[in-house]
PDB file of N, CA and C in Angstrom:
ATOM      1  N   UNK A   1     -20.299  30.444   8.797  1.00  0.00           N
ATOM      2  CA  UNK A   1     -19.537  29.310   7.795  1.00  0.00           C
ATOM      3  C   UNK A   1     -18.117  28.966   8.020  1.00  0.00           C
ATOM      4  N   UNK A   2     -17.597  27.883   8.195  1.00  0.00           N
ATOM      5  CA  UNK A   2     -16.160  27.819   8.337  1.00  0.00           C
ATOM      6  C   UNK A   2     -15.390  27.598   6.570  1.00  0.00           C
ATOM      7  N   UNK A   3     -14.342  27.872   6.489  1.00  0.00           N
ATOM      8  CA  UNK A   3     -13.532  27.485   5.359  1.00  0.00           C
ATOM      9  C   UNK A   3     -12.835  25.843   6.035  1.00  0.00           C
ATOM     10  N   UNK A   4     -12.154  25.283   5.081  1.00  0.00           N
ATOM     11  CA  UNK A   4     -11.549  24.190   5.199  1.00  0.00           C
ATOM     12  C   UNK A   4     -10.417  24.327   6.293  1.00  0.00           C
ATOM     13  N   UNK A   5      -9.593  25.396   6.239  1.00  0.00           N
ATOM     14  CA  UNK A   5      -8.456  25.610   7.040  1.00  0.00           C
ATOM     15  C   UNK A   5      -9.123  25.846   8.323  1.00  0.00           C
ATOM     16  N   UNK A   6     -10.029  26.459   8.494  1.00  0.00           N
ATOM     17  CA  UNK A   6     -10.718  26.680   9.924  1.00  0.00           C
ATOM     18  C   UNK A   6     -11.049  25.496  10.548  1.00  0.00           C
ATOM     19  N   UNK A   7     -11.758  24.781   9.517  1.00  0.00           N
ATOM     20  CA  UNK A   7     -12.329  23.210  10.049  1.00  0.00           C
ATOM     21  C   UNK A   7     -11.089  22.524  10.659  1.00  0.00           C
ATOM     22  N   UNK A   8      -9.995  22.487  10.010  1.00  0.00           N
ATOM     23  CA  UNK A   8      -8.632  21.570  10.338  1.00  0.00           C
ATOM     24  C   UNK A   8      -8.600  21.887  11.838  1.00  0.00           C
ATOM     25  N   UNK A   9      -8.433  23.209  12.088  1.00  0.00           N
ATOM     26  CA  UNK A   9      -8.044  23.512  13.427  1.00  0.00           C
ATOM     27  C   UNK A   9      -8.843  22.937  14.441  1.00  0.00           C
ATOM     28  N   UNK A  10     -10.368  23.123  14.281  1.00  0.00           N
ATOM     29  CA  UNK A  10     -11.485  22.389  14.946  1.00  0.00           C
ATOM     30  C   UNK A  10     -11.111  21.033  15.007  1.00  0.00           C
ATOM     31  N   UNK A  11     -10.878  20.294  13.757  1.00  0.00           N
ATOM     32  CA  UNK A  11     -10.781  18.700  13.883  1.00  0.00           C
ATOM     33  C   UNK A  11      -9.555  18.439  14.611  1.00  0.00           C
ATOM     34  N   UNK A  12      -8.526  19.291  14.457  1.00  0.00           N
ATOM     35  CA  UNK A  12      -7.236  18.746  15.312  1.00  0.00           C
ATOM     36  C   UNK A  12      -7.864  18.920  16.754  1.00  0.00           C
ATOM     37  N   UNK A  13      -8.524  19.920  17.299  1.00  0.00           N
ATOM     38  CA  UNK A  13      -8.601  19.828  18.716  1.00  0.00           C
ATOM     39  C   UNK A  13      -9.724  18.602  19.067  1.00  0.00           C
ATOM     40  N   UNK A  14     -10.638  18.402  18.047  1.00  0.00           N
ATOM     41  CA  UNK A  14     -11.555  17.017  18.343  1.00  0.00           C
ATOM     42  C   UNK A  14     -10.454  16.139  18.709  1.00  0.00           C
ATOM     43  N   UNK A  15      -9.535  15.616  17.604  1.00  0.00           N
ATOM     44  CA  UNK A  15      -8.772  14.422  17.781  1.00  0.00           C
ATOM     45  C   UNK A  15      -7.886  14.537  19.163  1.00  0.00           C
ATOM     46  N   UNK A  16      -7.498  15.387  19.230  1.00  0.00           N
ATOM     47  CA  UNK A  16      -6.661  15.467  20.528  1.00  0.00           C
ATOM     48  C   UNK A  16      -7.460  15.512  21.742  1.00  0.00           C
ATOM     49  N   UNK A  17      -8.809  15.676  21.993  1.00  0.00           N
ATOM     50  CA  UNK A  17      -9.659  15.697  23.077  1.00  0.00           C
ATOM     51  C   UNK A  17     -10.095  14.174  23.238  1.00  0.00           C
ATOM     52  N   UNK A  18     -10.093  13.308  22.369  1.00  0.00           N
ATOM     53  CA  UNK A  18     -10.266  11.819  22.859  1.00  0.00           C
ATOM     54  C   UNK A  18     -11.727  11.810  23.032  1.00  0.00           C
ATOM     55  N   UNK A  19     -12.490  12.805  22.774  1.00  0.00           N
ATOM     56  CA  UNK A  19     -13.942  12.569  23.002  1.00  0.00           C
ATOM     57  C   UNK A  19     -14.750  12.146  21.649  1.00  0.00           C
ATOM     58  N   UNK A  20     -15.749  11.562  21.717  1.00  0.00           N
ATOM     59  CA  UNK A  20     -16.684  11.064  20.765  1.00  0.00           C
ATOM     60  C   UNK A  20     -17.340  12.293  20.012  1.00  0.00           C
ATOM     61  N   UNK A  21     -17.700  12.355  18.746  1.00  0.00           N
ATOM     62  CA  UNK A  21     -18.203  13.380  18.105  1.00  0.00           C
ATOM     63  C   UNK A  21     -19.144  14.068  18.825  1.00  0.00           C
ATOM     64  N   UNK A  22     -20.062  13.270  19.203  1.00  0.00           N
ATOM     65  CA  UNK A  22     -21.161  14.123  19.777  1.00  0.00           C
ATOM     66  C   UNK A  22     -20.914  14.770  20.989  1.00  0.00           C
ATOM     67  N   UNK A  23     -19.981  14.268  21.798  1.00  0.00           N
ATOM     68  CA  UNK A  23     -19.620  14.849  23.151  1.00  0.00           C
ATOM     69  C   UNK A  23     -18.938  16.149  22.950  1.00  0.00           C
ATOM     70  N   UNK A  24     -17.882  16.094  21.799  1.00  0.00           N
ATOM     71  CA  UNK A  24     -17.174  17.108  21.420  1.00  0.00           C
ATOM     72  C   UNK A  24     -17.997  17.974  20.954  1.00  0.00           C
ATOM     73  N   UNK A  25     -18.885  18.023  20.186  1.00  0.00           N
ATOM     74  CA  UNK A  25     -19.794  19.143  19.584  1.00  0.00           C
ATOM     75  C   UNK A  25     -20.649  19.436  20.479  1.00  0.00           C
ATOM     76  N   UNK A  26     -21.001  18.756  21.685  1.00  0.00           N
ATOM     77  CA  UNK A  26     -21.833  19.625  22.467  1.00  0.00           C
ATOM     78  C   UNK A  26     -21.061  20.346  23.620  1.00  0.00           C
ATOM     79  N   UNK A  27     -19.758  19.770  23.678  1.00  0.00           N
ATOM     80  CA  UNK A  27     -18.689  21.005  24.581  1.00  0.00           C
ATOM     81  C   UNK A  27     -18.377  22.281  23.669  1.00  0.00           C
ATOM     82  N   UNK A  28     -18.411  22.063  22.288  1.00  0.00           N
ATOM     83  CA  UNK A  28     -17.991  23.258  21.683  1.00  0.00           C
ATOM     84  C   UNK A  28     -19.092  23.779  21.029  1.00  0.00           C
ATOM     85  N   UNK A  29     -20.262  23.380  21.432  1.00  0.00           N
ATOM     86  CA  UNK A  29     -21.450  24.203  20.847  1.00  0.00           C
ATOM     87  C   UNK A  29     -21.586  24.130  19.230  1.00  0.00           C
ATOM     88  N   UNK A  30     -21.147  22.980  18.523  1.00  0.00           N
ATOM     89  CA  UNK A  30     -21.158  22.573  17.208  1.00  0.00           C
ATOM     90  C   UNK A  30     -22.396  21.781  16.743  1.00  0.00           C
ATOM     91  N   UNK A  31     -22.886  22.202  15.636  1.00  0.00           N
ATOM     92  CA  UNK A  31     -24.006  21.314  15.222  1.00  0.00           C
ATOM     93  C   UNK A  31     -23.463  20.165  14.851  1.00  0.00           C
ATOM     94  N   UNK A  32     -23.901  18.763  15.084  1.00  0.00           N
ATOM     95  CA  UNK A  32     -23.186  17.762  14.817  1.00  0.00           C
ATOM     96  C   UNK A  32     -23.164  17.211  13.501  1.00  0.00           C
ATOM     97  N   UNK A  33     -24.422  17.764  13.089  1.00  0.00           N
ATOM     98  CA  UNK A  33     -24.478  17.364  11.317  1.00  0.00           C
ATOM     99  C   UNK A  33     -23.473  18.363  10.677  1.00  0.00           C
ATOM    100  N   UNK A  34     -23.160  19.433  11.058  1.00  0.00           N
ATOM    101  CA  UNK A  34     -22.159  20.388  10.351  1.00  0.00           C
ATOM    102  C   UNK A  34     -20.947  19.730  10.495  1.00  0.00           C
ATOM    103  N   UNK A  35     -20.571  19.322  11.698  1.00  0.00           N
ATOM    104  CA  UNK A  35     -19.335  18.709  12.003  1.00  0.00           C
ATOM    105  C   UNK A  35     -18.760  17.565  11.025  1.00  0.00           C
ATOM    106  N   UNK A  36     -20.113  16.699  10.979  1.00  0.00           N
ATOM    107  CA  UNK A  36     -19.734  15.587  10.041  1.00  0.00           C
ATOM    108  C   UNK A  36     -19.641  16.088   8.286  1.00  0.00           C
ATOM    109  N   UNK A  37     -20.560  16.969   8.124  1.00  0.00           N
ATOM    110  CA  UNK A  37     -20.292  17.619   6.533  1.00  0.00           C
ATOM    111  C   UNK A  37     -18.669  18.213   6.533  1.00  0.00           C
ATOM    112  N   UNK A  38     -18.159  18.824   7.366  1.00  0.00           N
ATOM    113  CA  UNK A  38     -16.944  19.253   7.232  1.00  0.00           C
ATOM    114  C   UNK A  38     -15.810  18.144   7.255  1.00  0.00           C
ATOM    115  N   UNK A  39     -15.952  17.170   8.205  1.00  0.00           N
ATOM    116  CA  UNK A  39     -15.171  16.104   8.190  1.00  0.00           C
ATOM    117  C   UNK A  39     -14.957  15.024   7.063  1.00  0.00           C
ATOM    118  N   UNK A  40     -16.348  15.178   6.295  1.00  0.00           N
ATOM    119  CA  UNK A  40     -16.349  14.531   4.883  1.00  0.00           C
ATOM    120  C   UNK A  40     -15.382  15.171   4.134  1.00  0.00           C
ATOM    121  N   UNK A  41     -15.551  16.734   3.991  1.00  0.00           N
ATOM    122  CA  UNK A  41     -15.005  17.296   3.177  1.00  0.00           C
ATOM    123  C   UNK A  41     -13.369  17.560   3.476  1.00  0.00           C
ATOM    124  N   UNK A  42     -13.001  17.498   4.664  1.00  0.00           N
ATOM    125  CA  UNK A  42     -11.502  17.258   4.954  1.00  0.00           C
ATOM    126  C   UNK A  42     -11.100  16.180   4.494  1.00  0.00           C
ATOM    127  N   UNK A  43     -11.617  15.035   4.797  1.00  0.00           N
ATOM    128  CA  UNK A  43     -11.056  13.781   4.277  1.00  0.00           C
ATOM    129  C   UNK A  43     -11.035  13.405   2.963  1.00  0.00           C
ATOM    130  N   UNK A  44     -12.120  14.133   2.283  1.00  0.00           N
ATOM    131  CA  UNK A  44     -11.928  14.103   0.687  1.00  0.00           C
ATOM    132  C   UNK A  44     -10.652  15.063   0.262  1.00  0.00           C
ATOM    133  N   UNK A  45     -10.452  16.024   1.128  1.00  0.00           N
ATOM    134  CA  UNK A  45      -9.367  16.914   0.488  1.00  0.00           C
ATOM    135  C   UNK A  45      -7.951  16.298   0.615  1.00  0.00           C
ATOM    136  N   UNK A  46      -7.802  15.362   1.497  1.00  0.00           N
ATOM    137  CA  UNK A  46      -6.606  14.554   2.004  1.00  0.00           C
ATOM    138  C   UNK A  46      -6.527  13.351   0.794  1.00  0.00           C
ATOM    139  N   UNK A  47      -7.501  12.765  -0.024  1.00  0.00           N
ATOM    140  CA  UNK A  47      -7.181  11.817  -0.733  1.00  0.00           C
ATOM    141  C   UNK A  47      -6.338  12.187  -1.959  1.00  0.00           C
ATOM    142  N   UNK A  48      -5.782  11.466  -2.606  1.00  0.00           N
ATOM    143  CA  UNK A  48      -5.309  11.828  -3.806  1.00  0.00           C
ATOM    144  C   UNK A  48      -6.168  11.898  -5.088  1.00  0.00           C
ATOM    145  N   UNK A  49      -5.831  12.803  -5.798  1.00  0.00           N
ATOM    146  CA  UNK A  49      -6.874  13.116  -6.997  1.00  0.00           C
ATOM    147  C   UNK A  49      -7.095  11.920  -7.976  1.00  0.00           C
ATOM    148  N   UNK A  50      -5.995  11.192  -8.014  1.00  0.00           N
ATOM    149  CA  UNK A  50      -6.296  10.057  -9.336  1.00  0.00           C
ATOM    150  C   UNK A  50      -7.066   8.957  -8.503  1.00  0.00           C
ATOM    151  N   UNK A  51      -8.062   8.397  -9.125  1.00  0.00           N
ATOM    152  CA  UNK A  51      -8.785   7.302  -8.876  1.00  0.00           C
ATOM    153  C   UNK A  51      -8.271   6.020  -9.315  1.00  0.00           C
ATOM    154  N   UNK A  52      -7.298   5.872 -10.154  1.00  0.00           N
ATOM    155  CA  UNK A  52      -6.666   4.935 -10.746  1.00  0.00           C
ATOM    156  C   UNK A  52      -5.376   4.992 -10.685  1.00  0.00           C
ATOM    157  N   UNK A  53      -4.643   3.847 -10.254  1.00  0.00           N
ATOM    158  CA  UNK A  53      -3.084   3.798 -10.125  1.00  0.00           C
ATOM    159  C   UNK A  53      -2.810   2.532 -11.157  1.00  0.00           C
ATOM    160  N   UNK A  54      -2.141   2.919 -12.431  1.00  0.00           N
ATOM    161  CA  UNK A  54      -1.724   1.892 -13.073  1.00  0.00           C
ATOM    162  C   UNK A  54      -0.633   0.868 -12.703  1.00  0.00           C
ATOM    163  N   UNK A  55      -0.625  -0.369 -13.120  1.00  0.00           N
ATOM    164  CA  UNK A  55       0.121  -1.248 -12.898  1.00  0.00           C
ATOM    165  C   UNK A  55       1.004  -1.281 -13.776  1.00  0.00           C
ATOM    166  N   UNK A  56       2.357  -1.059 -13.700  1.00  0.00           N
ATOM    167  CA  UNK A  56       3.342  -1.133 -14.605  1.00  0.00           C
ATOM    168  C   UNK A  56       4.431  -2.189 -14.038  1.00  0.00           C
ATOM    169  N   UNK A  57       4.887  -3.229 -14.871  1.00  0.00           N
ATOM    170  CA  UNK A  57       5.666  -4.115 -14.595  1.00  0.00           C
ATOM    171  C   UNK A  57       7.185  -3.533 -14.876  1.00  0.00           C
ATOM    172  N   UNK A  58       8.047  -3.807 -14.025  1.00  0.00           N
ATOM    173  CA  UNK A  58       9.262  -2.962 -14.303  1.00  0.00           C
ATOM    174  C   UNK A  58      10.430  -4.156 -13.514  1.00  0.00           C
ATOM    175  N   UNK A  59      11.415  -4.207 -14.520  1.00  0.00           N
ATOM    176  CA  UNK A  59      12.541  -5.302 -14.278  1.00  0.00           C
ATOM    177  C   UNK A  59      14.008  -4.345 -14.230  1.00  0.00           C
ATOM    178  N   UNK A  60      14.633  -4.442 -13.076  1.00  0.00           N
ATOM    179  CA  UNK A  60      15.915  -3.850 -12.863  1.00  0.00           C
ATOM    180  C   UNK A  60      17.014  -4.553 -13.459  1.00  0.00           C
ATOM    181  N   UNK A  61      16.827  -5.850 -14.128  1.00  0.00           N
ATOM    182  CA  UNK A  61      18.211  -6.569 -14.348  1.00  0.00           C
ATOM    183  C   UNK A  61      17.475  -7.133 -15.981  1.00  0.00           C
ATOM    184  N   UNK A  62      18.674  -7.721 -16.549  1.00  0.00           N
ATOM    185  CA  UNK A  62      18.527  -8.265 -17.942  1.00  0.00           C
ATOM    186  C   UNK A  62      17.696  -9.492 -17.895  1.00  0.00           C
ATOM    187  N   UNK A  63      17.743 -10.339 -16.644  1.00  0.00           N
ATOM    188  CA  UNK A  63      17.180 -11.419 -16.518  1.00  0.00           C
ATOM    189  C   UNK A  63      15.808 -11.280 -15.869  1.00  0.00           C
ATOM    190  N   UNK A  64      15.144 -12.429 -15.868  1.00  0.00           N
ATOM    191  CA  UNK A  64      13.666 -12.223 -15.111  1.00  0.00           C
ATOM    192  C   UNK A  64      14.120 -12.332 -13.390  1.00  0.00           C
ATOM    193  N   UNK A  65      13.055 -11.394 -12.945  1.00  0.00           N
ATOM    194  CA  UNK A  65      13.151 -11.353 -11.488  1.00  0.00           C
ATOM    195  C   UNK A  65      12.489 -12.645 -10.752  1.00  0.00           C
ATOM    196  N   UNK A  66      11.747 -13.357 -11.594  1.00  0.00           N
ATOM    197  CA  UNK A  66      11.042 -14.641 -11.127  1.00  0.00           C
ATOM    198  C   UNK A  66      11.896 -15.724 -11.234  1.00  0.00           C
ATOM    199  N   UNK A  67      13.052 -15.765 -11.622  1.00  0.00           N
ATOM    200  CA  UNK A  67      13.907 -17.015 -11.568  1.00  0.00           C
ATOM    201  C   UNK A  67      15.261 -16.749 -11.099  1.00  0.00           C
ATOM    202  N   UNK A  68      15.965 -17.831 -10.536  1.00  0.00           N
ATOM    203  CA  UNK A  68      17.411 -17.631 -10.276  1.00  0.00           C
ATOM    204  C   UNK A  68      17.835 -19.168 -10.159  1.00  0.00           C
ATOM    205  N   UNK A  69      19.311 -19.284 -10.002  1.00  0.00           N
ATOM    206  CA  UNK A  69      19.500 -20.783 -10.030  1.00  0.00           C
ATOM    207  C   UNK A  69      20.202 -21.202  -8.467  1.00  0.00           C
ATOM    208  N   UNK A  70      20.094 -22.339  -8.248  1.00  0.00           N
ATOM    209  CA  UNK A  70      20.435 -22.899  -7.025  1.00  0.00           C
ATOM    210  C   UNK A  70      21.515 -24.093  -7.274  1.00  0.00           C
ATOM    211  N   UNK A  71      22.356 -24.098  -6.472  1.00  0.00           N
ATOM    212  CA  UNK A  71      23.460 -25.299  -6.806  1.00  0.00           C
ATOM    213  C   UNK A  71      23.122 -26.145  -5.681  1.00  0.00           C
ATOM    214  N   UNK A  72      22.684 -27.341  -6.373  1.00  0.00           N
ATOM    215  CA  UNK A  72      22.136 -28.390  -5.383  1.00  0.00           C
ATOM    216  C   UNK A  72      23.340 -29.525  -5.521  1.00  0.00           C
ATOM    217  N   UNK A  73      24.443 -29.390  -4.641  1.00  0.00           N
ATOM    218  CA  UNK A  73      25.485 -30.474  -4.846  1.00  0.00           C
ATOM    219  C   UNK A  73      26.054 -30.697  -5.959  1.00  0.00           C
ATOM    220  N   UNK A  74      26.275 -29.711  -6.650  1.00  0.00           N
ATOM    221  CA  UNK A  74      27.192 -29.604  -7.859  1.00  0.00           C
ATOM    222  C   UNK A  74      26.060 -29.397  -9.107  1.00  0.00           C
ATOM    223  N   UNK A  75      24.868 -29.595  -8.833  1.00  0.00           N
ATOM    224  CA  UNK A  75      24.076 -29.462  -9.855  1.00  0.00           C
ATOM    225  C   UNK A  75      23.222 -28.103  -9.973  1.00  0.00           C
ATOM    226  N   UNK A  76      23.345 -27.470 -11.091  1.00  0.00           N
ATOM    227  CA  UNK A  76      22.612 -26.021 -11.017  1.00  0.00           C
ATOM    228  C   UNK A  76      21.190 -26.053 -11.412  1.00  0.00           C
ATOM    229  N   UNK A  77      20.183 -25.835 -10.727  1.00  0.00           N
ATOM    230  CA  UNK A  77      18.824 -25.894 -10.953  1.00  0.00           C
ATOM    231  C   UNK A  77      18.164 -24.582 -10.978  1.00  0.00           C
ATOM    232  N   UNK A  78      17.379 -24.433 -12.117  1.00  0.00           N
ATOM    233  CA  UNK A  78      16.734 -23.195 -12.244  1.00  0.00           C
ATOM    234  C   UNK A  78      15.434 -23.094 -11.291  1.00  0.00           C
ATOM    235  N   UNK A  79      15.242 -21.945 -10.650  1.00  0.00           N
ATOM    236  CA  UNK A  79      14.201 -21.855  -9.578  1.00  0.00           C
ATOM    237  C   UNK A  79      13.461 -20.609 -10.029  1.00  0.00           C
ATOM    238  N   UNK A  80      11.954 -21.064 -10.141  1.00  0.00           N
ATOM    239  CA  UNK A  80      10.978 -20.061 -10.657  1.00  0.00           C
ATOM    240  C   UNK A  80      10.597 -19.319  -9.000  1.00  0.00           C
ATOM    241  N   UNK A  81      10.471 -18.209  -9.010  1.00  0.00           N
ATOM    242  CA  UNK A  81      10.029 -17.684  -7.719  1.00  0.00           C
ATOM    243  C   UNK A  81       8.371 -17.458  -7.894  1.00  0.00           C
ATOM    244  N   UNK A  82       7.572 -17.533  -7.032  1.00  0.00           N
ATOM    245  CA  UNK A  82       6.132 -17.017  -7.434  1.00  0.00           C
ATOM    246  C   UNK A  82       6.289 -15.507  -7.600  1.00  0.00           C
ATOM    247  N   UNK A  83       5.136 -15.050  -8.464  1.00  0.00           N
ATOM    248  CA  UNK A  83       5.078 -13.493  -8.796  1.00  0.00           C
ATOM    249  C   UNK A  83       4.429 -12.966  -7.521  1.00  0.00           C
ATOM    250  N   UNK A  84       4.976 -11.711  -7.354  1.00  0.00           N
ATOM    251  CA  UNK A  84       4.366 -10.648  -6.245  1.00  0.00           C
ATOM    252  C   UNK A  84       3.701  -9.652  -7.030  1.00  0.00           C
ATOM    253  N   UNK A  85       2.722  -9.176  -6.370  1.00  0.00           N
ATOM    254  CA  UNK A  85       1.869  -7.838  -6.818  1.00  0.00           C
ATOM    255  C   UNK A  85       1.827  -7.100  -5.633  1.00  0.00           C
ATOM    256  N   UNK A  86       2.043  -5.788  -5.969  1.00  0.00           N
ATOM    257  CA  UNK A  86       1.564  -4.767  -4.961  1.00  0.00           C
ATOM    258  C   UNK A  86       0.628  -3.739  -5.434  1.00  0.00           C
ATOM    259  N   UNK A  87      -0.375  -3.622  -4.769  1.00  0.00           N
ATOM    260  CA  UNK A  87      -1.617  -2.561  -5.305  1.00  0.00           C
ATOM    261  C   UNK A  87      -1.633  -1.394  -4.086  1.00  0.00           C
ATOM    262  N   UNK A  88      -1.252  -0.224  -4.389  1.00  0.00           N
ATOM    263  CA  UNK A  88      -1.655   0.786  -3.676  1.00  0.00           C
ATOM    264  C   UNK A  88      -2.723   1.634  -4.198  1.00  0.00           C
ATOM    265  N   UNK A  89      -3.633   1.447  -3.082  1.00  0.00           N
ATOM    266  CA  UNK A  89      -4.923   2.243  -3.366  1.00  0.00           C
ATOM    267  C   UNK A  89      -4.806   3.742  -3.025  1.00  0.00           C
ATOM    268  N   UNK A  90      -5.593   4.531  -3.621  1.00  0.00           N
ATOM    269  CA  UNK A  90      -5.596   6.069  -3.410  1.00  0.00           C
ATOM    270  C   UNK A  90      -5.979   6.312  -1.769  1.00  0.00           C
ATOM    271  N   UNK A  91      -6.509   5.413  -1.162  1.00  0.00           N
ATOM    272  CA  UNK A  91      -6.730   5.539   0.307  1.00  0.00           C
ATOM    273  C   UNK A  91      -5.507   5.383   1.039  1.00  0.00           C
ATOM    274  N   UNK A  92      -4.276   5.028   0.463  1.00  0.00           N
ATOM    275  CA  UNK A  92      -3.256   4.572   1.086  1.00  0.00           C
ATOM    276  C   UNK A  92      -3.184   3.207   1.782  1.00  0.00           C
ATOM    277  N   UNK A  93      -4.050   2.306   1.451  1.00  0.00           N
ATOM    278  CA  UNK A  93      -3.976   1.184   1.730  1.00  0.00           C
ATOM    279  C   UNK A  93      -3.199   0.433   0.782  1.00  0.00           C
ATOM    280  N   UNK A  94      -2.328  -0.541   1.257  1.00  0.00           N
ATOM    281  CA  UNK A  94      -1.419  -1.290   0.228  1.00  0.00           C
ATOM    282  C   UNK A  94      -1.765  -2.858   0.225  1.00  0.00           C
ATOM    283  N   UNK A  95      -2.156  -3.593  -0.752  1.00  0.00           N
ATOM    284  CA  UNK A  95      -2.283  -4.927  -0.844  1.00  0.00           C
ATOM    285  C   UNK A  95      -1.266  -5.614  -1.476  1.00  0.00           C
ATOM    286  N   UNK A  96      -0.496  -6.461  -0.750  1.00  0.00           N
ATOM    287  CA  UNK A  96       0.565  -7.400  -1.613  1.00  0.00           C
ATOM    288  C   UNK A  96      -0.017  -8.864  -1.639  1.00  0.00           C
ATOM    289  N   UNK A  97       0.058  -9.189  -2.703  1.00  0.00           N
ATOM    290  CA  UNK A  97      -0.138 -10.714  -3.347  1.00  0.00           C
ATOM    291  C   UNK A  97       0.916 -11.378  -3.823  1.00  0.00           C
ATOM    292  N   UNK A  98       0.960 -12.536  -3.164  1.00  0.00           N
ATOM    293  CA  UNK A  98       2.071 -13.584  -3.597  1.00  0.00           C
ATOM    294  C   UNK A  98       1.322 -14.534  -4.489  1.00  0.00           C
ATOM    295  N   UNK A  99       2.026 -15.254  -5.533  1.00  0.00           N
ATOM    296  CA  UNK A  99       1.581 -16.651  -6.159  1.00  0.00           C
ATOM    297  C   UNK A  99       0.732 -16.019  -7.538  1.00  0.00           C
ATOM    298  N   UNK A 100       0.455 -17.158  -8.242  1.00  0.00           N
ATOM    299  CA  UNK A 100      -0.258 -16.852  -9.528  1.00  0.00           C
ATOM    300  C   UNK A 100      -1.564 -16.118  -9.167  1.00  0.00           C
ATOM    301  N   UNK A 101      -1.941 -15.105  -9.854  1.00  0.00           N
ATOM    302  CA  UNK A 101      -3.369 -14.351  -9.748  1.00  0.00           C
ATOM    303  C   UNK A 101      -3.970 -14.161 -11.189  1.00  0.00           C
ATOM    304  N   UNK A 102      -5.052 -14.475 -11.318  1.00  0.00           N
ATOM    305  CA  UNK A 102      -5.700 -14.324 -12.545  1.00  0.00           C
ATOM    306  C   UNK A 102      -5.873 -12.929 -12.916  1.00  0.00           C
ATOM    307  N   UNK A 103      -5.890 -12.453 -14.272  1.00  0.00           N
ATOM    308  CA  UNK A 103      -6.137 -11.254 -14.689  1.00  0.00           C
ATOM    309  C   UNK A 103      -7.837 -10.473 -14.161  1.00  0.00           C
ATOM    310  N   UNK A 104      -8.499 -11.694 -14.106  1.00  0.00           N
ATOM    311  CA  UNK A 104     -10.044 -11.324 -13.789  1.00  0.00           C
ATOM    312  C   UNK A 104      -9.831 -10.767 -12.280  1.00  0.00           C
ATOM    313  N   UNK A 105      -9.138 -11.691 -11.593  1.00  0.00           N
ATOM    314  CA  UNK A 105      -9.160 -11.572  -9.844  1.00  0.00           C
ATOM    315  C   UNK A 105      -8.509  -9.966  -9.727  1.00  0.00           C
ATOM    316  N   UNK A 106      -7.440  -9.641 -10.453  1.00  0.00           N
ATOM    317  CA  UNK A 106      -6.732  -8.431 -10.322  1.00  0.00           C
ATOM    318  C   UNK A 106      -7.587  -7.231 -10.840  1.00  0.00           C
ATOM    319  N   UNK A 107      -8.454  -7.546 -11.959  1.00  0.00           N
ATOM    320  CA  UNK A 107      -9.354  -6.692 -12.431  1.00  0.00           C
ATOM    321  C   UNK A 107     -10.393  -6.378 -11.166  1.00  0.00           C
ATOM    322  N   UNK A 108     -10.879  -7.341 -10.615  1.00  0.00           N
ATOM    323  CA  UNK A 108     -11.610  -6.959  -9.506  1.00  0.00           C
ATOM    324  C   UNK A 108     -11.026  -5.903  -8.258  1.00  0.00           C
ATOM    325  N   UNK A 109      -9.689  -6.533  -8.001  1.00  0.00           N
ATOM    326  CA  UNK A 109      -9.119  -5.527  -6.973  1.00  0.00           C
ATOM    327  C   UNK A 109      -8.795  -4.258  -7.319  1.00  0.00           C
ATOM    328  N   UNK A 110      -8.696  -4.123  -8.507  1.00  0.00           N
ATOM    329  CA  UNK A 110      -8.227  -2.804  -9.251  1.00  0.00           C
ATOM    330  C   UNK A 110      -9.277  -1.795  -9.557  1.00  0.00           C
ATOM    331  N   UNK A 111     -10.570  -2.135 -10.084  1.00  0.00           N
ATOM    332  CA  UNK A 111     -11.555  -1.291 -10.306  1.00  0.00           C
ATOM    333  C   UNK A 111     -12.017  -0.426  -9.113  1.00  0.00           C
ATOM    334  N   UNK A 112     -12.467   0.564  -9.263  1.00  0.00           N
ATOM    335  CA  UNK A 112     -13.071   1.356  -8.022  1.00  0.00           C
ATOM    336  C   UNK A 112     -14.477   0.938  -7.957  1.00  0.00           C
ATOM    337  N   UNK A 113     -14.835   0.938  -6.584  1.00  0.00           N
ATOM    338  CA  UNK A 113     -16.213   0.331  -6.272  1.00  0.00           C
ATOM    339  C   UNK A 113     -17.190   1.812  -6.133  1.00  0.00           C
ATOM    340  N   UNK A 114     -17.962   1.704  -7.239  1.00  0.00           N
ATOM    341  CA  UNK A 114     -18.801   2.870  -7.401  1.00  0.00           C
ATOM    342  C   UNK A 114     -20.354   2.366  -6.736  1.00  0.00           C
TER     343      UNK A 114
END
């Protein structure tokens, strides 16, 4: 039976081989089901432990980051920028949204899929 460190070495060889799992396992005389079992354990060990990432609005200035003024021929006009959202999922995927998003839609994007 392998431990995670031993399988990391095997998995590294698999990745550099360029072979399909079945062909690699045949060449290495490894049970394919055992390979997939350890692959799943390895991937799970690489995920961050937290399954929820809180969204915290941050402003670095005293004025809103969503507005600024534009001088149009002597007239200063306030301009509102559309809000931007960035969600970083534990899997490493980043989702960027621009524009108005309802809280219900954000909730769907943030909730873990069980």
